[in-house]
Amino acid sequence: MTDQQEKSDLELHLNFSLTQEELKDSRLGLERFHEVVQLDPDEVRDIAKCESAEIAIGSVGKGASNWGVDVVLVAKVFGGIGATINLGERILKVVRWVRKKRPGSGLVLRDAQTVGVIALGNYSSKRKLKNGTLLGTYCVTGSNTGIGFDSRDVWVTLIVKQDGSLLLIWTSSNGAPLGEQLIDPPVSVV
């Protein structure tokens, strides 16, 4: 996600594992998935204050993946990095709500746009981000949509600050902050 993309609809994916109770439920299957996983998309949409929310069958893991729950949110973001931070805070409310409603369900993020939004929402020194430009978010552990994502993945979100310095925000695959690094602006050599 970049600032250029912030002026359109963002599709965000929260990928949760099933709880042990859901995995043991004899009804678990394609036709009865929503009976087992009882999440109301309207409640999710209201918590996130977004355009739409959908609960879909998903998967979690690399290679031999298991059932998962994809919470797909569509949100409009206008106003630069401040609006993206606000969206990240709202998405984190959804994560906390789902985890409270479904204890034991883990989160595995697998798309850069969602990780970037959550990284900004989770960032502790939001004033440091003021007037920054979001360059993008990247999985640095080699995972991709072809081989999947899991709890071992690490992501980095890049922000160029107004003074030209580069802020790297490191995030785990479950959205937890791992740290930050500030790279000073380039110095002109004459």
C-alpha atoms as a PDB file:
ATOM      1  CA  MET A   1       0.000   0.000   0.000  1.00  0.00           C
ATOM      2  CA  THR A   2       1.314   3.451  -0.852  1.00  0.00           C
ATOM      3  CA  ASP A   3      -0.083   6.945  -0.324  1.00  0.00           C
ATOM      4  CA  GLN A   4      -1.256   6.885  -3.942  1.00  0.00           C
ATOM      5  CA  GLN A   5      -3.430   3.845  -3.161  1.00  0.00           C
ATOM      6  CA  GLU A   6      -4.849   5.421   0.006  1.00  0.00           C
ATOM      7  CA  LYS A   7      -7.292   7.463  -2.058  1.00  0.00           C
ATOM      8  CA  SER A   8      -9.260   4.392  -3.140  1.00  0.00           C
ATOM      9  CA  ASP A   9     -10.933   1.407  -1.551  1.00  0.00           C
ATOM     10  CA  LEU A  10      -8.617  -0.814   0.484  1.00  0.00           C
ATOM     11  CA  GLU A  11      -9.363  -4.526   0.767  1.00  0.00           C
ATOM     12  CA  LEU A  12      -7.963  -5.893   4.003  1.00  0.00           C
ATOM     13  CA  HIS A  13      -7.734  -9.581   4.950  1.00  0.00           C
ATOM     14  CA  LEU A  14      -7.589 -10.868   8.512  1.00  0.00           C
ATOM     15  CA  ASN A  15      -6.869 -14.599   8.485  1.00  0.00           C
ATOM     16  CA  PHE A  16      -7.730 -16.464  11.666  1.00  0.00           C
ATOM     17  CA  SER A  17      -7.148 -20.105  12.480  1.00  0.00           C
ATOM     18  CA  LEU A  18     -10.057 -22.164  13.700  1.00  0.00           C
ATOM     19  CA  THR A  19     -10.388 -22.841  17.415  1.00  0.00           C
ATOM     20  CA  GLN A  20      -9.926 -26.399  18.690  1.00  0.00           C
ATOM     21  CA  GLU A  21     -13.691 -26.640  19.249  1.00  0.00           C
ATOM     22  CA  GLU A  22     -14.411 -25.571  15.660  1.00  0.00           C
ATOM     23  CA  LEU A  23     -11.898 -28.082  14.272  1.00  0.00           C
ATOM     24  CA  LYS A  24     -13.594 -30.886  16.247  1.00  0.00           C
ATOM     25  CA  ASP A  25     -17.117 -29.868  15.187  1.00  0.00           C
ATOM     26  CA  SER A  26     -18.625 -32.628  13.013  1.00  0.00           C
ATOM     27  CA  ARG A  27     -20.497 -30.006  10.953  1.00  0.00           C
ATOM     28  CA  LEU A  28     -17.257 -28.447   9.680  1.00  0.00           C
ATOM     29  CA  GLY A  29     -17.389 -28.555   5.894  1.00  0.00           C
ATOM     30  CA  LEU A  30     -18.014 -26.301   2.923  1.00  0.00           C
ATOM     31  CA  GLU A  31     -21.814 -26.274   3.242  1.00  0.00           C
ATOM     32  CA  ARG A  32     -21.986 -25.695   6.987  1.00  0.00           C
ATOM     33  CA  PHE A  33     -18.845 -23.636   7.583  1.00  0.00           C
ATOM     34  CA  HIS A  34     -20.796 -20.537   8.686  1.00  0.00           C
ATOM     35  CA  GLU A  35     -22.792 -22.592  11.200  1.00  0.00           C
ATOM     36  CA  VAL A  36     -19.527 -23.639  12.848  1.00  0.00           C
ATOM     37  CA  VAL A  37     -17.781 -20.276  12.591  1.00  0.00           C
ATOM     38  CA  GLN A  38     -20.335 -17.868  13.922  1.00  0.00           C
ATOM     39  CA  LEU A  39     -19.096 -14.399  13.046  1.00  0.00           C
ATOM     40  CA  ASP A  40     -21.571 -11.729  12.011  1.00  0.00           C
ATOM     41  CA  PRO A  41     -20.209  -9.635   9.128  1.00  0.00           C
ATOM     42  CA  ASP A  42     -22.501  -6.730  10.088  1.00  0.00           C
ATOM     43  CA  GLU A  43     -20.982  -6.620  13.587  1.00  0.00           C
ATOM     44  CA  VAL A  44     -17.489  -6.704  12.099  1.00  0.00           C
ATOM     45  CA  ARG A  45     -18.373  -3.900   9.660  1.00  0.00           C
ATOM     46  CA  ASP A  46     -19.758  -1.766  12.498  1.00  0.00           C
ATOM     47  CA  ILE A  47     -16.677  -2.261  14.682  1.00  0.00           C
ATOM     48  CA  ALA A  48     -14.314  -1.447  11.803  1.00  0.00           C
ATOM     49  CA  LYS A  49     -16.493   1.409  10.540  1.00  0.00           C
ATOM     50  CA  CYS A  50     -15.802   0.251   7.003  1.00  0.00           C
ATOM     51  CA  GLU A  51     -17.757  -0.042   3.766  1.00  0.00           C
ATOM     52  CA  SER A  52     -18.256  -3.803   3.909  1.00  0.00           C
ATOM     53  CA  ALA A  53     -17.221  -6.974   5.725  1.00  0.00           C
ATOM     54  CA  GLU A  54     -17.368 -10.585   4.623  1.00  0.00           C
ATOM     55  CA  ILE A  55     -16.632 -13.812   6.484  1.00  0.00           C
ATOM     56  CA  ALA A  56     -15.164 -16.447   4.145  1.00  0.00           C
ATOM     57  CA  ILE A  57     -13.576 -19.887   4.236  1.00  0.00           C
ATOM     58  CA  GLY A  58      -9.830 -19.546   4.327  1.00  0.00           C
ATOM     59  CA  SER A  59      -6.695 -21.434   5.175  1.00  0.00           C
ATOM     60  CA  VAL A  60      -3.719 -20.918   7.448  1.00  0.00           C
ATOM     61  CA  GLY A  61      -0.206 -22.240   6.943  1.00  0.00           C
ATOM     62  CA  LYS A  62       2.365 -23.144   4.312  1.00  0.00           C
ATOM     63  CA  GLY A  63       2.130 -26.348   2.338  1.00  0.00           C
ATOM     64  CA  ALA A  64      -0.143 -28.540   4.454  1.00  0.00           C
ATOM     65  CA  SER A  65      -2.457 -25.749   5.474  1.00  0.00           C
ATOM     66  CA  ASN A  66      -5.507 -26.059   7.679  1.00  0.00           C
ATOM     67  CA  TRP A  67      -8.975 -24.500   7.717  1.00  0.00           C
ATOM     68  CA  GLY A  68      -9.090 -20.807   8.436  1.00  0.00           C
ATOM     69  CA  VAL A  69     -11.498 -17.917   8.640  1.00  0.00           C
ATOM     70  CA  ASP A  70     -10.925 -14.923   6.370  1.00  0.00           C
ATOM     71  CA  VAL A  71     -12.436 -11.665   7.520  1.00  0.00           C
ATOM     72  CA  VAL A  72     -12.401  -9.442   4.439  1.00  0.00           C
ATOM     73  CA  LEU A  73     -12.950  -5.723   5.003  1.00  0.00           C
ATOM     74  CA  VAL A  74     -13.315  -2.970   2.425  1.00  0.00           C
ATOM     75  CA  ALA A  75     -12.601   0.557   3.640  1.00  0.00           C
ATOM     76  CA  LYS A  76     -12.141   3.963   2.055  1.00  0.00           C
ATOM     77  CA  VAL A  77      -9.191   6.005   3.236  1.00  0.00           C
ATOM     78  CA  PHE A  78      -8.807   9.691   2.464  1.00  0.00           C
ATOM     79  CA  GLY A  79      -6.358  12.026   4.120  1.00  0.00           C
ATOM     80  CA  GLY A  80      -2.926  10.439   4.048  1.00  0.00           C
ATOM     81  CA  ILE A  81      -1.062   8.646   6.774  1.00  0.00           C
ATOM     82  CA  GLY A  82      -3.249   9.964   9.634  1.00  0.00           C
ATOM     83  CA  ALA A  83      -6.336   8.355   8.106  1.00  0.00           C
ATOM     84  CA  THR A  84      -4.429   5.105   7.591  1.00  0.00           C
ATOM     85  CA  ILE A  85      -3.355   5.116  11.251  1.00  0.00           C
ATOM     86  CA  ASN A  86      -7.003   5.584  12.239  1.00  0.00           C
ATOM     87  CA  LEU A  87      -8.045   2.680  10.013  1.00  0.00           C
ATOM     88  CA  GLY A  88      -5.315   0.511  11.586  1.00  0.00           C
ATOM     89  CA  GLU A  89      -6.644   1.282  15.055  1.00  0.00           C
ATOM     90  CA  ARG A  90     -10.156   0.273  13.952  1.00  0.00           C
ATOM     91  CA  ILE A  91      -8.891  -2.962  12.381  1.00  0.00           C
ATOM     92  CA  LEU A  92      -7.079  -3.795  15.629  1.00  0.00           C
ATOM     93  CA  LYS A  93     -10.434  -3.424  17.441  1.00  0.00           C
ATOM     94  CA  VAL A  94     -11.839  -6.058  15.086  1.00  0.00           C
ATOM     95  CA  VAL A  95      -8.885  -8.366  15.835  1.00  0.00           C
ATOM     96  CA  ARG A  96      -9.422  -8.016  19.593  1.00  0.00           C
ATOM     97  CA  TRP A  97     -13.182  -8.583  19.200  1.00  0.00           C
ATOM     98  CA  VAL A  98     -12.710 -11.751  17.106  1.00  0.00           C
ATOM     99  CA  ARG A  99     -10.115 -13.122  19.536  1.00  0.00           C
ATOM    100  CA  LYS A 100     -12.432 -12.456  22.500  1.00  0.00           C
ATOM    101  CA  LYS A 101     -15.384 -14.059  20.721  1.00  0.00           C
ATOM    102  CA  ARG A 102     -13.275 -17.033  19.535  1.00  0.00           C
ATOM    103  CA  PRO A 103     -10.622 -17.748  22.227  1.00  0.00           C
ATOM    104  CA  GLY A 104      -7.708 -19.768  20.907  1.00  0.00           C
ATOM    105  CA  SER A 105      -8.007 -18.478  17.354  1.00  0.00           C
ATOM    106  CA  GLY A 106      -4.688 -17.175  16.043  1.00  0.00           C
ATOM    107  CA  LEU A 107      -4.174 -14.443  13.460  1.00  0.00           C
ATOM    108  CA  VAL A 108      -1.897 -14.892  10.447  1.00  0.00           C
ATOM    109  CA  LEU A 109      -1.576 -11.870   8.178  1.00  0.00           C
ATOM    110  CA  ARG A 110      -0.749 -12.640   4.584  1.00  0.00           C
ATOM    111  CA  ASP A 111      -1.185  -9.492   2.552  1.00  0.00           C
ATOM    112  CA  ALA A 112       1.055  -6.447   2.609  1.00  0.00           C
ATOM    113  CA  GLN A 113      -1.750  -3.898   2.623  1.00  0.00           C
ATOM    114  CA  THR A 114      -3.308  -5.305   5.810  1.00  0.00           C
ATOM    115  CA  VAL A 115       0.048  -5.661   7.560  1.00  0.00           C
ATOM    116  CA  GLY A 116       0.912  -2.039   6.717  1.00  0.00           C
ATOM    117  CA  VAL A 117      -2.395  -0.718   8.057  1.00  0.00           C
ATOM    118  CA  ILE A 118      -2.016  -2.751  11.259  1.00  0.00           C
ATOM    119  CA  ALA A 119       1.635  -1.694  11.655  1.00  0.00           C
ATOM    120  CA  LEU A 120       0.591   1.963  11.581  1.00  0.00           C
ATOM    121  CA  GLY A 121      -2.356   1.357  13.918  1.00  0.00           C
ATOM    122  CA  ASN A 122      -0.082  -0.450  16.382  1.00  0.00           C
ATOM    123  CA  TYR A 123       2.802   2.023  16.178  1.00  0.00           C
ATOM    124  CA  SER A 124       3.454   3.514  19.612  1.00  0.00           C
ATOM    125  CA  SER A 125       4.918   6.887  18.538  1.00  0.00           C
ATOM    126  CA  LYS A 126       2.309   8.002  16.033  1.00  0.00           C
ATOM    127  CA  ARG A 127       3.549  11.611  16.167  1.00  0.00           C
ATOM    128  CA  LYS A 128       6.776  10.365  14.533  1.00  0.00           C
ATOM    129  CA  LEU A 129       4.690   9.406  11.505  1.00  0.00           C
ATOM    130  CA  LYS A 130       3.173  12.865  11.011  1.00  0.00           C
ATOM    131  CA  ASN A 131       3.584  14.098   7.425  1.00  0.00           C
ATOM    132  CA  GLY A 132       5.317  10.860   6.468  1.00  0.00           C
ATOM    133  CA  THR A 133       4.721   8.974   3.255  1.00  0.00           C
ATOM    134  CA  LEU A 134       3.979   5.283   3.328  1.00  0.00           C
ATOM    135  CA  LEU A 135       6.157   3.559   0.718  1.00  0.00           C
ATOM    136  CA  GLY A 136       4.905   0.014   1.189  1.00  0.00           C
ATOM    137  CA  THR A 137       5.004  -3.164   3.237  1.00  0.00           C
ATOM    138  CA  TYR A 138       6.993  -6.282   2.383  1.00  0.00           C
ATOM    139  CA  CYS A 139       7.339  -9.809   3.731  1.00  0.00           C
ATOM    140  CA  VAL A 140      11.076 -10.199   4.333  1.00  0.00           C
ATOM    141  CA  THR A 141      11.066 -13.943   5.061  1.00  0.00           C
ATOM    142  CA  GLY A 142      10.448 -15.116   1.522  1.00  0.00           C
ATOM    143  CA  SER A 143       6.802 -16.105   1.751  1.00  0.00           C
ATOM    144  CA  ASN A 144       4.398 -15.278  -1.037  1.00  0.00           C
ATOM    145  CA  THR A 145       0.915 -16.133  -2.214  1.00  0.00           C
ATOM    146  CA  GLY A 146       2.285 -19.173  -4.070  1.00  0.00           C
ATOM    147  CA  ILE A 147       3.740 -20.882  -0.989  1.00  0.00           C
ATOM    148  CA  GLY A 148       1.600 -19.324   1.730  1.00  0.00           C
ATOM    149  CA  PHE A 149       2.268 -17.480   4.947  1.00  0.00           C
ATOM    150  CA  ASP A 150       2.486 -18.624   8.548  1.00  0.00           C
ATOM    151  CA  SER A 151       3.459 -17.535  12.051  1.00  0.00           C
ATOM    152  CA  ARG A 152       7.186 -17.479  11.195  1.00  0.00           C
ATOM    153  CA  ASP A 153       6.888 -14.579   8.761  1.00  0.00           C
ATOM    154  CA  VAL A 154       8.268 -11.107   9.418  1.00  0.00           C
ATOM    155  CA  TRP A 155       7.104  -7.955   7.636  1.00  0.00           C
ATOM    156  CA  VAL A 156       8.575  -4.468   7.282  1.00  0.00           C
ATOM    157  CA  THR A 157       6.609  -1.278   6.594  1.00  0.00           C
ATOM    158  CA  LEU A 158       8.583   1.623   5.119  1.00  0.00           C
ATOM    159  CA  ILE A 159       7.787   5.291   5.760  1.00  0.00           C
ATOM    160  CA  VAL A 160       9.716   8.255   4.398  1.00  0.00           C
ATOM    161  CA  LYS A 161       9.614  11.049   6.933  1.00  0.00           C
ATOM    162  CA  GLN A 162       9.446  14.721   6.028  1.00  0.00           C
ATOM    163  CA  ASP A 163      13.191  15.189   6.722  1.00  0.00           C
ATOM    164  CA  GLY A 164      14.033  12.408   4.239  1.00  0.00           C
ATOM    165  CA  SER A 165      14.812   9.781   6.856  1.00  0.00           C
ATOM    166  CA  LEU A 166      13.391   6.293   6.417  1.00  0.00           C
ATOM    167  CA  LEU A 167      11.447   4.595   9.214  1.00  0.00           C
ATOM    168  CA  LEU A 168      11.195   0.804   9.123  1.00  0.00           C
ATOM    169  CA  ILE A 169       8.465  -0.755  11.276  1.00  0.00           C
ATOM    170  CA  TRP A 170       8.917  -4.493  11.834  1.00  0.00           C
ATOM    171  CA  THR A 171       5.767  -6.596  12.361  1.00  0.00           C
ATOM    172  CA  SER A 172       5.140 -10.275  13.064  1.00  0.00           C
ATOM    173  CA  SER A 173       2.623 -12.279  11.079  1.00  0.00           C
ATOM    174  CA  ASN A 174       0.088 -11.928  13.898  1.00  0.00           C
ATOM    175  CA  GLY A 175       0.305  -8.123  13.761  1.00  0.00           C
ATOM    176  CA  ALA A 176       2.480  -7.689  16.860  1.00  0.00           C
ATOM    177  CA  PRO A 177       5.119  -4.947  16.660  1.00  0.00           C
ATOM    178  CA  LEU A 178       8.670  -6.320  16.593  1.00  0.00           C
ATOM    179  CA  GLY A 179      10.579  -3.045  16.583  1.00  0.00           C
ATOM    180  CA  GLU A 180      11.592  -0.108  14.478  1.00  0.00           C
ATOM    181  CA  GLN A 181      14.675   1.266  12.791  1.00  0.00           C
ATOM    182  CA  LEU A 182      15.344   4.824  11.657  1.00  0.00           C
ATOM    183  CA  ILE A 183      17.750   5.421   8.795  1.00  0.00           C
ATOM    184  CA  ASP A 184      19.062   8.976   8.620  1.00  0.00           C
ATOM    185  CA  PRO A 185      18.432  10.992   5.466  1.00  0.00           C
ATOM    186  CA  PRO A 186      21.086  10.757   2.758  1.00  0.00           C
ATOM    187  CA  VAL A 187      23.901  13.297   2.994  1.00  0.00           C
ATOM    188  CA  SER A 188      24.998  15.182  -0.090  1.00  0.00           C
ATOM    189  CA  VAL A 189      28.585  14.594  -1.106  1.00  0.00           C
ATOM    190  CA  VAL A 190      30.114  17.505  -2.929  1.00  0.00           C
END
